[in-house]
Amino acid sequence: MAMPRSTITFETVEQIGLSLPGVEKGLAYGAPALKIRGELLACIPVNRSAEPDSLLVRVDFDDRAELLRGDPAVYYLPEHYVNYAGVLVRLSRVDRGTLRDLLGMAHKFVTHQPKPASRKMKRRSTRLG
């Protein structure tokens, strides 16, 4: 007998996300979000092209393409979000384990973004060159 599916909400997203290093609650365009040092990790999408009960998760373009190919019933991408490194997730179709993996992927993506060089670094590299 199959277990009843648990309902995934943004509260579930917060529970999982806040267990990752450096993740904190925030807002993105007035909607609840999870961030790391001010950088968006995941949020409730506010653009009208997003379906109700969706989640925007930051992932790189290659991972996004793989997710969309692998399970288009769970992951989708409205035109508005095509140029952003992220994918939309139908919360009603994802389980906790998959959500945990997805937030882990987003955490790795956000924390491994190249940092802009500081002025000090630029001056120093100029002197070295």
C-alpha atoms as a PDB file:
ATOM      1  CA  MET A   1       0.000   0.000   0.000  1.00  0.00           C
ATOM      2  CA  ALA A   2       1.426   3.385  -1.033  1.00  0.00           C
ATOM      3  CA  MET A   3       2.071   5.957   1.655  1.00  0.00           C
ATOM      4  CA  PRO A   4       0.032   9.143   1.268  1.00  0.00           C
ATOM      5  CA  ARG A   5       2.096  11.928  -0.208  1.00  0.00           C
ATOM      6  CA  SER A   6       3.004  14.639   2.233  1.00  0.00           C
ATOM      7  CA  THR A   7       2.184  18.165   1.198  1.00  0.00           C
ATOM      8  CA  ILE A   8       5.271  20.240   0.468  1.00  0.00           C
ATOM      9  CA  THR A   9       4.890  23.929   1.305  1.00  0.00           C
ATOM     10  CA  PHE A  10       7.311  26.837   1.564  1.00  0.00           C
ATOM     11  CA  GLU A  11       7.486  26.003   5.282  1.00  0.00           C
ATOM     12  CA  THR A  12       8.952  22.609   4.275  1.00  0.00           C
ATOM     13  CA  VAL A  13      11.389  24.419   1.967  1.00  0.00           C
ATOM     14  CA  GLU A  14      12.445  26.631   4.893  1.00  0.00           C
ATOM     15  CA  GLN A  15      12.913  23.660   7.244  1.00  0.00           C
ATOM     16  CA  ILE A  16      15.231  21.942   4.768  1.00  0.00           C
ATOM     17  CA  GLY A  17      16.966  25.092   3.524  1.00  0.00           C
ATOM     18  CA  LEU A  18      17.698  26.523   6.962  1.00  0.00           C
ATOM     19  CA  SER A  19      19.555  23.328   7.860  1.00  0.00           C
ATOM     20  CA  LEU A  20      22.172  24.199   5.196  1.00  0.00           C
ATOM     21  CA  PRO A  21      25.199  26.323   6.214  1.00  0.00           C
ATOM     22  CA  GLY A  22      24.690  30.083   6.002  1.00  0.00           C
ATOM     23  CA  VAL A  23      21.066  29.988   4.815  1.00  0.00           C
ATOM     24  CA  GLU A  24      18.703  32.582   6.240  1.00  0.00           C
ATOM     25  CA  LYS A  25      15.153  33.763   5.670  1.00  0.00           C
ATOM     26  CA  GLY A  26      14.620  36.815   3.525  1.00  0.00           C
ATOM     27  CA  LEU A  27      12.422  38.372   0.883  1.00  0.00           C
ATOM     28  CA  ALA A  28      12.666  38.477  -2.900  1.00  0.00           C
ATOM     29  CA  TYR A  29      10.312  40.898  -4.654  1.00  0.00           C
ATOM     30  CA  GLY A  30       8.206  40.944  -1.485  1.00  0.00           C
ATOM     31  CA  ALA A  31       7.820  37.142  -1.346  1.00  0.00           C
ATOM     32  CA  PRO A  32       9.357  34.715   1.174  1.00  0.00           C
ATOM     33  CA  ALA A  33      12.835  33.598   0.168  1.00  0.00           C
ATOM     34  CA  LEU A  34      15.945  31.811   1.376  1.00  0.00           C
ATOM     35  CA  LYS A  35      19.286  33.546   0.917  1.00  0.00           C
ATOM     36  CA  ILE A  36      22.980  33.069   1.601  1.00  0.00           C
ATOM     37  CA  ARG A  37      24.919  36.282   2.372  1.00  0.00           C
ATOM     38  CA  GLY A  38      22.179  38.216   0.576  1.00  0.00           C
ATOM     39  CA  GLU A  39      22.269  35.994  -2.535  1.00  0.00           C
ATOM     40  CA  LEU A  40      19.008  34.335  -3.505  1.00  0.00           C
ATOM     41  CA  LEU A  41      18.858  30.557  -3.036  1.00  0.00           C
ATOM     42  CA  ALA A  42      15.126  29.883  -3.486  1.00  0.00           C
ATOM     43  CA  CYS A  43      11.893  31.860  -3.327  1.00  0.00           C
ATOM     44  CA  ILE A  44       8.223  31.855  -4.092  1.00  0.00           C
ATOM     45  CA  PRO A  45       8.077  33.202  -7.662  1.00  0.00           C
ATOM     46  CA  VAL A  46       5.931  36.317  -8.037  1.00  0.00           C
ATOM     47  CA  ASN A  47       5.810  36.682 -11.812  1.00  0.00           C
ATOM     48  CA  ARG A  48       2.332  35.885 -13.118  1.00  0.00           C
ATOM     49  CA  SER A  49       3.775  33.272 -15.511  1.00  0.00           C
ATOM     50  CA  ALA A  50       4.575  31.035 -12.512  1.00  0.00           C
ATOM     51  CA  GLU A  51       1.988  28.436 -11.546  1.00  0.00           C
ATOM     52  CA  PRO A  52       0.489  28.590  -8.032  1.00  0.00           C
ATOM     53  CA  ASP A  53       2.389  26.570  -5.391  1.00  0.00           C
ATOM     54  CA  SER A  54       5.692  26.823  -7.224  1.00  0.00           C
ATOM     55  CA  LEU A  55       9.211  27.413  -6.010  1.00  0.00           C
ATOM     56  CA  LEU A  56      12.041  29.149  -7.864  1.00  0.00           C
ATOM     57  CA  VAL A  57      15.369  27.453  -7.146  1.00  0.00           C
ATOM     58  CA  ARG A  58      18.737  28.804  -8.294  1.00  0.00           C
ATOM     59  CA  VAL A  59      20.679  26.263 -10.361  1.00  0.00           C
ATOM     60  CA  ASP A  60      23.115  26.621 -13.233  1.00  0.00           C
ATOM     61  CA  PHE A  61      21.891  26.386 -16.821  1.00  0.00           C
ATOM     62  CA  ASP A  62      23.274  22.860 -17.398  1.00  0.00           C
ATOM     63  CA  ASP A  63      21.629  21.463 -14.263  1.00  0.00           C
ATOM     64  CA  ARG A  64      18.401  23.237 -15.206  1.00  0.00           C
ATOM     65  CA  ALA A  65      18.383  21.649 -18.665  1.00  0.00           C
ATOM     66  CA  GLU A  66      18.952  18.220 -17.102  1.00  0.00           C
ATOM     67  CA  LEU A  67      16.116  18.717 -14.570  1.00  0.00           C
ATOM     68  CA  LEU A  68      13.689  19.894 -17.255  1.00  0.00           C
ATOM     69  CA  ARG A  69      14.567  16.933 -19.497  1.00  0.00           C
ATOM     70  CA  GLY A  70      14.475  14.450 -16.633  1.00  0.00           C
ATOM     71  CA  ASP A  71      11.107  15.335 -15.098  1.00  0.00           C
ATOM     72  CA  PRO A  72       9.007  17.959 -16.915  1.00  0.00           C
ATOM     73  CA  ALA A  73       6.033  17.116 -14.660  1.00  0.00           C
ATOM     74  CA  VAL A  74       7.983  18.539 -11.692  1.00  0.00           C
ATOM     75  CA  TYR A  75      10.210  21.210 -13.281  1.00  0.00           C
ATOM     76  CA  TYR A  76       9.181  23.936 -15.709  1.00  0.00           C
ATOM     77  CA  LEU A  77      10.445  27.203 -17.134  1.00  0.00           C
ATOM     78  CA  PRO A  78       8.156  30.037 -18.219  1.00  0.00           C
ATOM     79  CA  GLU A  79       9.592  32.472 -20.773  1.00  0.00           C
ATOM     80  CA  HIS A  80      10.062  35.167 -18.087  1.00  0.00           C
ATOM     81  CA  TYR A  81      12.691  33.026 -16.295  1.00  0.00           C
ATOM     82  CA  VAL A  82      14.681  31.761 -19.311  1.00  0.00           C
ATOM     83  CA  ASN A  83      17.602  34.168 -18.823  1.00  0.00           C
ATOM     84  CA  TYR A  84      17.896  33.521 -15.070  1.00  0.00           C
ATOM     85  CA  ALA A  85      19.984  30.724 -13.560  1.00  0.00           C
ATOM     86  CA  GLY A  86      17.104  28.880 -11.969  1.00  0.00           C
ATOM     87  CA  VAL A  87      14.200  26.513 -12.458  1.00  0.00           C
ATOM     88  CA  LEU A  88      10.618  26.478 -11.228  1.00  0.00           C
ATOM     89  CA  VAL A  89       9.395  23.491  -9.225  1.00  0.00           C
ATOM     90  CA  ARG A  90       5.808  22.325  -8.768  1.00  0.00           C
ATOM     91  CA  LEU A  91       5.737  21.743  -5.006  1.00  0.00           C
ATOM     92  CA  SER A  92       2.741  19.404  -5.323  1.00  0.00           C
ATOM     93  CA  ARG A  93       4.864  17.023  -7.402  1.00  0.00           C
ATOM     94  CA  VAL A  94       8.122  16.936  -5.476  1.00  0.00           C
ATOM     95  CA  ASP A  95       9.002  14.864  -2.407  1.00  0.00           C
ATOM     96  CA  ARG A  96      11.157  15.860   0.581  1.00  0.00           C
ATOM     97  CA  GLY A  97      14.184  13.868  -0.588  1.00  0.00           C
ATOM     98  CA  THR A  98      14.166  15.441  -4.037  1.00  0.00           C
ATOM     99  CA  LEU A  99      13.621  18.881  -2.525  1.00  0.00           C
ATOM    100  CA  ARG A 100      16.577  18.321  -0.153  1.00  0.00           C
ATOM    101  CA  ASP A 101      18.796  17.359  -3.119  1.00  0.00           C
ATOM    102  CA  LEU A 102      17.584  20.349  -5.134  1.00  0.00           C
ATOM    103  CA  LEU A 103      18.259  22.816  -2.317  1.00  0.00           C
ATOM    104  CA  GLY A 104      21.687  21.229  -1.856  1.00  0.00           C
ATOM    105  CA  MET A 105      22.359  21.781  -5.557  1.00  0.00           C
ATOM    106  CA  ALA A 106      21.219  25.412  -5.223  1.00  0.00           C
ATOM    107  CA  HIS A 107      23.414  25.879  -2.133  1.00  0.00           C
ATOM    108  CA  LYS A 108      26.458  24.622  -4.020  1.00  0.00           C
ATOM    109  CA  PHE A 109      25.602  26.859  -6.996  1.00  0.00           C
ATOM    110  CA  VAL A 110      25.177  30.024  -4.900  1.00  0.00           C
ATOM    111  CA  THR A 111      28.192  29.455  -2.639  1.00  0.00           C
ATOM    112  CA  HIS A 112      30.513  28.635  -5.543  1.00  0.00           C
ATOM    113  CA  GLN A 113      29.692  31.732  -7.600  1.00  0.00           C
ATOM    114  CA  PRO A 114      32.850  33.585  -8.606  1.00  0.00           C
ATOM    115  CA  LYS A 115      33.234  36.694  -6.468  1.00  0.00           C
ATOM    116  CA  PRO A 116      33.888  40.034  -8.174  1.00  0.00           C
ATOM    117  CA  ALA A 117      37.498  41.101  -7.659  1.00  0.00           C
ATOM    118  CA  SER A 118      37.910  43.779  -5.036  1.00  0.00           C
ATOM    119  CA  ARG A 119      39.712  47.023  -5.825  1.00  0.00           C
ATOM    120  CA  LYS A 120      42.666  45.837  -3.768  1.00  0.00           C
ATOM    121  CA  MET A 121      42.947  42.688  -5.872  1.00  0.00           C
ATOM    122  CA  LYS A 122      42.724  44.696  -9.086  1.00  0.00           C
ATOM    123  CA  ARG A 123      45.456  47.111  -7.976  1.00  0.00           C
ATOM    124  CA  ARG A 124      47.635  44.285  -6.842  1.00  0.00           C
ATOM    125  CA  SER A 125      47.237  42.376 -10.110  1.00  0.00           C
ATOM    126  CA  THR A 126      48.047  45.599 -12.007  1.00  0.00           C
ATOM    127  CA  ARG A 127      51.271  45.942 -10.025  1.00  0.00           C
ATOM    128  CA  LEU A 128      52.164  42.338 -10.677  1.00  0.00           C
ATOM    129  CA  GLY A 129      51.475  42.692 -14.406  1.00  0.00           C
END
